[in-house]
N, C-alpha and C. Protein backbone atom coordinates (compact mmCIF):
# COMPACT_ATOMS: atom_id res chain seq x y z
N MET A 1 -84.49 -6.86 122.81
CA MET A 1 -83.79 -5.50 122.62
C MET A 1 -83.98 -4.86 121.48
N SER A 2 -84.62 -3.78 121.76
CA SER A 2 -85.44 -2.74 120.57
C SER A 2 -84.69 -1.43 120.42
N ILE A 3 -84.21 -0.94 119.39
CA ILE A 3 -83.21 0.65 118.83
C ILE A 3 -84.67 1.01 118.53
N SER A 4 -84.32 2.65 119.41
CA SER A 4 -85.58 3.64 119.26
C SER A 4 -84.89 4.86 119.57
N ILE A 5 -85.89 5.42 118.62
CA ILE A 5 -84.86 7.22 119.43
C ILE A 5 -86.37 7.92 119.53
N VAL A 6 -85.57 8.82 120.83
CA VAL A 6 -86.32 9.70 121.47
C VAL A 6 -85.52 10.73 121.21
N ASN A 7 -85.85 11.68 121.48
CA ASN A 7 -85.86 13.25 121.32
C ASN A 7 -84.66 13.58 120.70
N GLY A 8 -84.48 12.72 119.02
CA GLY A 8 -83.33 13.01 118.34
C GLY A 8 -82.07 11.75 118.38
N TYR A 9 -82.39 11.31 119.49
CA TYR A 9 -81.21 10.21 119.93
C TYR A 9 -81.64 8.78 119.75
N VAL A 10 -80.56 8.11 119.66
CA VAL A 10 -81.08 6.80 119.05
C VAL A 10 -80.36 5.92 120.38
N CYS A 11 -81.43 5.61 121.25
CA CYS A 11 -81.36 4.95 122.03
C CYS A 11 -81.67 3.18 121.71
N TYR A 12 -80.64 2.24 122.65
CA TYR A 12 -80.41 1.03 122.43
C TYR A 12 -81.46 0.30 123.51
N ASN A 13 -81.70 1.11 124.79
CA ASN A 13 -82.30 0.51 125.87
C ASN A 13 -82.69 1.41 126.83
N CYS A 14 -83.72 0.86 127.73
CA CYS A 14 -84.32 1.77 128.79
C CYS A 14 -83.85 3.10 129.04
N THR A 15 -82.13 2.94 129.47
CA THR A 15 -81.66 3.26 130.56
C THR A 15 -81.09 4.37 129.29
N ASP A 16 -80.87 4.46 128.30
CA ASP A 16 -80.47 5.30 127.55
C ASP A 16 -81.96 6.51 126.98
N GLN A 17 -83.49 6.04 126.63
CA GLN A 17 -84.17 6.21 126.77
C GLN A 17 -84.80 7.52 127.79
N GLU A 18 -84.40 6.94 129.15
CA GLU A 18 -84.71 7.77 130.12
C GLU A 18 -83.71 8.75 130.29
N LYS A 19 -82.55 8.71 129.79
CA LYS A 19 -81.62 10.43 129.40
C LYS A 19 -82.22 10.51 128.32
N ALA A 20 -82.64 10.34 127.34
CA ALA A 20 -82.92 11.11 126.15
C ALA A 20 -84.36 11.82 126.43
N GLN A 21 -85.32 11.53 127.35
CA GLN A 21 -86.33 12.09 127.44
C GLN A 21 -86.06 13.17 128.47
N LYS A 22 -84.93 13.38 128.95
CA LYS A 22 -84.37 14.57 129.84
C LYS A 22 -83.52 15.35 128.72
N GLY A 23 -83.44 15.58 128.15
CA GLY A 23 -82.44 15.76 127.00
C GLY A 23 -80.96 15.60 127.17
N ILE A 24 -80.79 14.32 127.30
CA ILE A 24 -79.36 13.95 127.81
C ILE A 24 -78.75 13.10 126.64
N ASP A 25 -77.94 13.50 126.01
CA ASP A 25 -77.48 12.91 125.38
C ASP A 25 -76.70 11.11 125.58
N PRO A 26 -77.35 10.03 125.11
CA PRO A 26 -77.35 9.01 126.67
C PRO A 26 -75.53 8.49 125.73
N THR A 27 -75.31 8.95 124.61
CA THR A 27 -74.22 8.54 124.24
C THR A 27 -72.82 9.48 124.73
N ASN A 28 -73.03 10.36 125.47
CA ASN A 28 -72.24 10.91 126.18
C ASN A 28 -71.80 10.23 127.83
N THR A 29 -70.48 9.27 127.75
CA THR A 29 -69.97 8.91 128.54
C THR A 29 -69.28 9.44 129.56
N THR A 30 -68.96 10.90 128.93
CA THR A 30 -67.63 11.67 130.28
C THR A 30 -68.70 12.47 131.07
N ASN A 31 -70.30 12.56 131.11
CA ASN A 31 -70.84 13.34 131.91
C ASN A 31 -70.49 14.79 131.57
N ASP A 32 -69.81 15.29 130.72
CA ASP A 32 -69.66 16.64 130.08
C ASP A 32 -70.90 17.52 129.99
N PRO A 33 -71.10 18.54 131.00
CA PRO A 33 -72.65 19.23 130.89
C PRO A 33 -72.42 20.20 129.53
N SER A 34 -71.11 20.61 129.08
CA SER A 34 -71.20 20.78 127.52
C SER A 34 -71.73 20.17 126.66
N GLN A 35 -71.91 18.74 126.27
CA GLN A 35 -72.57 18.09 125.99
C GLN A 35 -73.83 18.31 126.07
N ASN A 36 -74.56 17.95 126.87
CA ASN A 36 -75.80 18.14 127.29
C ASN A 36 -76.57 18.81 126.57
N LYS A 37 -77.63 18.36 125.79
CA LYS A 37 -78.64 18.95 124.82
C LYS A 37 -79.17 20.36 125.77
N ALA A 38 -80.38 19.77 126.66
CA ALA A 38 -80.60 20.31 127.26
C ALA A 38 -80.23 21.97 127.98
N ALA A 39 -79.08 21.13 128.82
CA ALA A 39 -78.53 22.53 129.53
C ALA A 39 -77.89 23.60 128.12
N VAL A 40 -77.42 23.16 127.48
CA VAL A 40 -76.74 24.03 126.04
C VAL A 40 -77.88 24.72 125.83
N GLN A 41 -79.12 24.43 125.38
CA GLN A 41 -80.55 25.09 124.98
C GLN A 41 -80.84 26.25 126.15
N LYS A 42 -80.72 25.40 127.45
CA LYS A 42 -81.13 26.74 128.23
C LYS A 42 -80.59 27.60 128.41
N ARG A 43 -79.06 27.26 128.47
CA ARG A 43 -77.61 28.72 128.66
C ARG A 43 -77.96 29.28 127.28
N GLU A 44 -78.71 29.29 125.90
CA GLU A 44 -78.30 29.93 125.31
C GLU A 44 -79.65 30.95 124.78
N ALA A 45 -81.05 29.89 125.39
CA ALA A 45 -82.18 30.90 125.87
C ALA A 45 -81.95 32.28 126.87
N GLU A 46 -81.16 31.57 128.04
CA GLU A 46 -80.94 33.01 129.15
C GLU A 46 -80.13 33.80 128.79
N LYS A 47 -79.14 33.45 127.65
CA LYS A 47 -78.53 34.29 127.19
C LYS A 47 -78.85 36.01 126.15
N ALA A 48 -79.78 35.17 125.90
CA ALA A 48 -80.64 35.53 124.20
C ALA A 48 -81.91 36.88 125.06
N SER A 49 -82.57 36.45 126.21
CA SER A 49 -83.05 37.17 127.08
C SER A 49 -82.71 37.53 128.00
N ASP A 50 -81.23 38.17 128.32
CA ASP A 50 -80.60 38.70 129.27
C ASP A 50 -80.20 40.23 128.20
N PRO A 51 -80.91 41.34 129.07
CA PRO A 51 -80.64 42.13 127.98
C PRO A 51 -79.32 43.20 128.59
N SER A 52 -78.87 42.58 129.95
CA SER A 52 -77.45 43.12 130.10
C SER A 52 -76.14 42.22 129.71
N ALA A 53 -76.70 41.46 129.18
CA ALA A 53 -75.50 40.66 128.57
C ALA A 53 -74.94 41.69 127.58
N THR A 54 -73.58 41.82 127.87
CA THR A 54 -73.08 42.00 126.56
C THR A 54 -71.41 42.17 126.47
N ALA A 55 -71.20 41.97 125.76
CA ALA A 55 -69.51 41.79 125.18
C ALA A 55 -69.13 41.79 126.33
N ALA A 56 -68.62 43.27 127.30
CA ALA A 56 -67.87 43.81 128.52
C ALA A 56 -68.23 42.53 129.69
N SER A 57 -69.61 41.78 129.90
CA SER A 57 -70.09 41.20 130.72
C SER A 57 -69.55 39.44 130.70
N ASN A 58 -69.71 39.43 129.11
CA ASN A 58 -68.93 38.40 129.02
C ASN A 58 -68.02 37.74 128.30
N ALA A 59 -66.63 38.83 128.65
CA ALA A 59 -65.32 38.67 128.81
C ALA A 59 -64.99 37.59 129.54
N LEU A 60 -63.92 37.01 129.08
CA LEU A 60 -63.00 35.90 130.19
C LEU A 60 -61.75 36.30 130.29
N LEU A 61 -61.52 35.94 131.29
CA LEU A 61 -60.26 36.86 131.81
C LEU A 61 -59.70 35.69 132.66
N PRO A 62 -58.30 35.83 132.20
CA PRO A 62 -57.38 34.71 132.89
C PRO A 62 -57.50 34.52 133.94
N SER A 63 -57.95 33.91 135.00
CA SER A 63 -57.55 33.56 136.51
C SER A 63 -56.55 33.91 137.27
N GLY A 64 -57.00 34.84 138.44
CA GLY A 64 -55.71 35.22 139.06
C GLY A 64 -55.81 37.08 138.76
N LEU A 65 -56.51 37.48 137.59
CA LEU A 65 -55.85 38.95 137.24
C LEU A 65 -56.73 40.15 138.06
N GLY A 66 -57.83 39.52 138.51
CA GLY A 66 -58.65 40.62 138.95
C GLY A 66 -58.89 41.77 138.83
N ALA A 67 -58.94 41.88 137.31
CA ALA A 67 -58.93 43.02 136.59
C ALA A 67 -60.59 43.58 136.36
N ALA A 68 -61.03 44.55 135.99
CA ALA A 68 -61.70 45.46 135.97
C ALA A 68 -62.02 45.46 134.18
N VAL A 69 -63.17 45.54 133.63
CA VAL A 69 -63.23 45.43 132.02
C VAL A 69 -64.14 46.94 131.84
N ASN A 70 -63.29 47.73 131.35
CA ASN A 70 -63.87 48.85 131.14
C ASN A 70 -64.32 49.08 129.66
N VAL A 71 -65.44 49.23 128.95
CA VAL A 71 -65.96 49.10 127.67
C VAL A 71 -66.71 50.68 127.73
N SER A 72 -65.66 51.73 126.55
CA SER A 72 -66.90 52.71 126.88
C SER A 72 -67.11 53.07 125.12
N VAL A 73 -67.91 53.50 124.97
CA VAL A 73 -68.03 53.41 123.16
C VAL A 73 -68.06 55.07 122.99
């Protein structure tokens, strides 16, 4: 067994290496997508490139409210 570093992740076996090559943290055993480095980078890139992204469109409302957000300056 050899230890290697792939895409900044410490890998202890070939399965870890395969995950790291895809940008998936091999130590993330919860399969939480918010911990997936590649997914986080993709979301951040999409936010940065979307000119329609505003505070109003990114506002989070509790579910069930159904209220419209009207932001006027």
